C-alpha atoms as a PDB file:
ATOM      1  CA  MET A   1       7.142  44.919  17.285  1.00  0.00           C
ATOM      2  CA  THR A   2       5.904  41.732  15.685  1.00  0.00           C
ATOM      3  CA  ALA A   3       7.849  39.451  13.404  1.00  0.00           C
ATOM      4  CA  PRO A   4       6.721  39.165   9.792  1.00  0.00           C
ATOM      5  CA  THR A   5       4.246  36.372   9.281  1.00  0.00           C
ATOM      6  CA  ASP A   6       6.352  34.735   6.577  1.00  0.00           C
ATOM      7  CA  SER A   7       8.986  33.845   9.181  1.00  0.00           C
ATOM      8  CA  TYR A   8       6.654  31.396  10.899  1.00  0.00           C
ATOM      9  CA  PRO A   9       6.182  27.860   9.640  1.00  0.00           C
ATOM     10  CA  ILE A  10       2.950  27.310   7.803  1.00  0.00           C
ATOM     11  CA  ASP A  11       0.655  24.623   9.137  1.00  0.00           C
ATOM     12  CA  LEU A  12      -0.020  22.701   5.943  1.00  0.00           C
ATOM     13  CA  GLN A  13      -3.187  20.676   5.733  1.00  0.00           C
ATOM     14  CA  PRO A  14      -3.360  17.491   3.680  1.00  0.00           C
ATOM     15  CA  PRO A  15      -4.788  18.139   0.239  1.00  0.00           C
ATOM     16  CA  ALA A  16      -8.395  17.283  -0.432  1.00  0.00           C
ATOM     17  CA  PRO A  17      -8.818  14.001  -2.297  1.00  0.00           C
ATOM     18  CA  PRO A  18      -9.357  14.446  -6.028  1.00  0.00           C
ATOM     19  CA  ALA A  19     -12.963  15.011  -7.022  1.00  0.00           C
ATOM     20  CA  ILE A  20     -12.550  13.025 -10.227  1.00  0.00           C
ATOM     21  CA  ARG A  21     -10.686   9.911 -11.225  1.00  0.00           C
ATOM     22  CA  TRP A  22      -7.184  10.338 -12.585  1.00  0.00           C
ATOM     23  CA  PRO A  23      -6.790   9.854 -16.356  1.00  0.00           C
ATOM     24  CA  LEU A  24      -4.271   7.029 -15.796  1.00  0.00           C
ATOM     25  CA  HIS A  25      -5.179   4.649 -12.993  1.00  0.00           C
ATOM     26  CA  PRO A  26      -4.075   1.045 -13.485  1.00  0.00           C
ATOM     27  CA  PRO A  27      -5.813  -1.176 -10.956  1.00  0.00           C
ATOM     28  CA  PRO A  28      -3.669  -2.919  -8.365  1.00  0.00           C
ATOM     29  CA  TYR A  29      -2.721  -6.520  -8.986  1.00  0.00           C
ATOM     30  CA  ARG A  30      -3.930  -9.217  -6.622  1.00  0.00           C
ATOM     31  CA  LEU A  31      -1.639  -9.305  -3.557  1.00  0.00           C
ATOM     32  CA  GLU A  32       0.335  -6.265  -4.779  1.00  0.00           C
ATOM     33  CA  LEU A  33       1.850  -4.165  -2.003  1.00  0.00           C
ATOM     34  CA  LEU A  34       0.910  -0.508  -1.796  1.00  0.00           C
ATOM     35  CA  ASN A  35       4.400   0.838  -2.509  1.00  0.00           C
ATOM     36  CA  GLU A  36       4.647  -1.334  -5.649  1.00  0.00           C
ATOM     37  CA  TRP A  37       1.325  -0.041  -6.953  1.00  0.00           C
ATOM     38  CA  ILE A  38       2.311   3.560  -6.193  1.00  0.00           C
ATOM     39  CA  ALA A  39       5.541   3.010  -8.162  1.00  0.00           C
ATOM     40  CA  ARG A  40       3.495   1.740 -11.144  1.00  0.00           C
ATOM     41  CA  LEU A  41       1.155   4.742 -10.920  1.00  0.00           C
ATOM     42  CA  ALA A  42       4.137   7.097 -10.845  1.00  0.00           C
ATOM     43  CA  GLN A  43       5.726   5.336 -13.818  1.00  0.00           C
ATOM     44  CA  ASP A  44       2.538   5.800 -15.852  1.00  0.00           C
ATOM     45  CA  TYR A  45       2.794   9.543 -15.219  1.00  0.00           C
ATOM     46  CA  GLY A  46       6.510   9.620 -16.053  1.00  0.00           C
ATOM     47  CA  VAL A  47       7.681  10.600 -12.565  1.00  0.00           C
ATOM     48  CA  THR A  48       9.483   8.851  -9.761  1.00  0.00           C
ATOM     49  CA  ALA A  49       7.573   7.300  -6.892  1.00  0.00           C
ATOM     50  CA  THR A  50       9.181   9.895  -4.617  1.00  0.00           C
ATOM     51  CA  LEU A  51       7.766  12.797  -6.644  1.00  0.00           C
ATOM     52  CA  PHE A  52       4.357  11.128  -6.906  1.00  0.00           C
ATOM     53  CA  CYS A  53       4.240  10.603  -3.151  1.00  0.00           C
ATOM     54  CA  ARG A  54       5.293  14.153  -2.351  1.00  0.00           C
ATOM     55  CA  HIS A  55       3.130  16.016  -4.849  1.00  0.00           C
ATOM     56  CA  VAL A  56       0.050  13.827  -5.152  1.00  0.00           C
ATOM     57  CA  LEU A  57      -0.185  12.126  -1.761  1.00  0.00           C
ATOM     58  CA  SER A  58       1.648  14.689   0.410  1.00  0.00           C
ATOM     59  CA  VAL A  59       3.773  11.987   2.043  1.00  0.00           C
ATOM     60  CA  THR A  60       7.534  11.639   2.072  1.00  0.00           C
ATOM     61  CA  PRO A  61       9.070   8.311   1.058  1.00  0.00           C
ATOM     62  CA  PRO A  62      10.260   5.838   2.026  1.00  0.00           C
ATOM     63  CA  LEU A  63       6.761   4.758   2.854  1.00  0.00           C
ATOM     64  CA  PRO A  64       6.204   3.042   6.173  1.00  0.00           C
ATOM     65  CA  ASP A  65       4.058  -0.073   6.497  1.00  0.00           C
ATOM     66  CA  THR A  66       1.003   2.136   6.167  1.00  0.00           C
ATOM     67  CA  ILE A  67       0.350   5.656   4.928  1.00  0.00           C
ATOM     68  CA  PRO A  68      -1.850   8.405   6.402  1.00  0.00           C
ATOM     69  CA  ASP A  69      -5.602   8.225   5.900  1.00  0.00           C
ATOM     70  CA  HIS A  70      -5.642  11.300   3.646  1.00  0.00           C
ATOM     71  CA  ALA A  71      -3.167   9.618   1.268  1.00  0.00           C
ATOM     72  CA  GLN A  72      -5.202   6.395   1.274  1.00  0.00           C
ATOM     73  CA  ARG A  73      -8.368   8.360   0.413  1.00  0.00           C
ATOM     74  CA  THR A  74      -6.533  10.226  -2.361  1.00  0.00           C
ATOM     75  CA  LEU A  75      -5.355   6.952  -3.900  1.00  0.00           C
ATOM     76  CA  ALA A  76      -8.787   5.343  -3.656  1.00  0.00           C
ATOM     77  CA  MET A  77     -10.639   8.286  -5.192  1.00  0.00           C
ATOM     78  CA  GLY A  78      -8.028   9.031  -7.849  1.00  0.00           C
ATOM     79  CA  ALA A  79      -7.852   5.412  -8.979  1.00  0.00           C
ATOM     80  CA  GLY A  80     -11.574   4.759  -8.598  1.00  0.00           C
ATOM     81  CA  ILE A  81     -11.193   1.842  -6.188  1.00  0.00           C
ATOM     82  CA  GLU A  82     -12.620   1.151  -2.747  1.00  0.00           C
ATOM     83  CA  LEU A  83     -10.749   2.590   0.225  1.00  0.00           C
ATOM     84  CA  ASP A  84     -10.749  -0.870   1.804  1.00  0.00           C
ATOM     85  CA  CYS A  85      -8.822  -2.171  -1.227  1.00  0.00           C
ATOM     86  CA  VAL A  86      -6.087   0.420  -0.605  1.00  0.00           C
ATOM     87  CA  ARG A  87      -5.968  -0.515   3.085  1.00  0.00           C
ATOM     88  CA  ARG A  88      -5.584  -4.206   2.244  1.00  0.00           C
ATOM     89  CA  MET A  89      -2.472  -3.328   0.204  1.00  0.00           C
ATOM     90  CA  THR A  90      -0.523  -2.153   3.262  1.00  0.00           C
ATOM     91  CA  LEU A  91       1.830  -4.670   4.832  1.00  0.00           C
ATOM     92  CA  ALA A  92      -0.570  -5.246   7.740  1.00  0.00           C
ATOM     93  CA  GLY A  93      -3.503  -5.631   5.363  1.00  0.00           C
ATOM     94  CA  MET A  94      -1.535  -7.984   3.145  1.00  0.00           C
ATOM     95  CA  MET A  95      -0.643 -10.218   6.084  1.00  0.00           C
ATOM     96  CA  ARG A  96      -4.349 -10.497   6.945  1.00  0.00           C
ATOM     97  CA  GLU A  97      -5.059 -11.486   3.326  1.00  0.00           C
ATOM     98  CA  VAL A  98      -2.298 -14.101   3.292  1.00  0.00           C
ATOM     99  CA  MET A  99      -3.364 -15.579   6.632  1.00  0.00           C
ATOM    100  CA  ALA A 100      -6.986 -15.746   5.443  1.00  0.00           C
ATOM    101  CA  GLU A 101      -5.806 -17.566   2.301  1.00  0.00           C
ATOM    102  CA  VAL A 102      -3.811 -20.033   4.405  1.00  0.00           C
ATOM    103  CA  GLU A 103      -6.842 -20.623   6.622  1.00  0.00           C
ATOM    104  CA  ARG A 104      -9.058 -21.270   3.582  1.00  0.00           C
ATOM    105  CA  THR A 105      -6.482 -23.696   2.191  1.00  0.00           C
ATOM    106  CA  CYS A 106      -6.262 -25.522   5.524  1.00  0.00           C
ATOM    107  CA  LYS A 107     -10.018 -26.021   5.527  1.00  0.00           C
ATOM    108  CA  THR A 108     -10.376 -27.063   1.895  1.00  0.00           C
ATOM    109  CA  ASN A 109      -7.173 -29.052   1.364  1.00  0.00           C
ATOM    110  CA  PRO A 110      -5.494 -30.246   4.571  1.00  0.00           C
ATOM    111  CA  GLN A 111      -3.232 -32.635   2.621  1.00  0.00           C
ATOM    112  CA  ALA A 112      -1.614 -29.730   0.755  1.00  0.00           C
ATOM    113  CA  VAL A 113      -0.899 -27.961   4.027  1.00  0.00           C
ATOM    114  CA  HIS A 114       0.623 -31.135   5.492  1.00  0.00           C
ATOM    115  CA  ALA A 115       2.876 -31.565   2.443  1.00  0.00           C
ATOM    116  CA  PHE A 116       3.966 -27.924   2.643  1.00  0.00           C
ATOM    117  CA  THR A 117       4.755 -28.000   6.363  1.00  0.00           C
ATOM    118  CA  ARG A 118       6.661 -31.265   5.940  1.00  0.00           C
ATOM    119  CA  LYS A 119       8.980 -29.431   3.515  1.00  0.00           C
ATOM    120  CA  LEU A 120       9.605 -26.750   6.145  1.00  0.00           C
ATOM    121  CA  ARG A 121      10.886 -29.201   8.757  1.00  0.00           C
ATOM    122  CA  PRO A 122      14.653 -29.321   9.110  1.00  0.00           C
ATOM    123  CA  ALA A 123      16.277 -32.390   7.645  1.00  0.00           C
ATOM    124  CA  ALA A 124      17.336 -35.101  10.054  1.00  0.00           C
ATOM    125  CA  PRO A 125      21.052 -34.998  10.804  1.00  0.00           C
ATOM    126  CA  GLN A 126      23.077 -37.444   8.762  1.00  0.00           C
ATOM    127  CA  ALA A 127      25.005 -40.099  10.686  1.00  0.00           C
END
């Protein structure tokens, strides 16, 4: 005797990315983190970020530092932006962007970097 098939868990596959752009798709701001942009997208559709993540991206919040590739592709296609742009919005991608900006600043304006790092030094102890 075999058990009914509905008693077994279903192996769900990630949804296919949308074939067309979503009607509402505000572009991400410069240096905006992925979870912040997802929250803005959800707000435009009148749902919580949790519902948006579950039903549109098939991921369960809270979001880790990065999200699965299928969710990144869904965001890129639905919003009409490059996949690389979505990947740069993760925490790891953002750190690369910030470090590249610091490196550019060091090369173009070393005096500004010196002034900034001087502010970071602990103050000398008072006698």
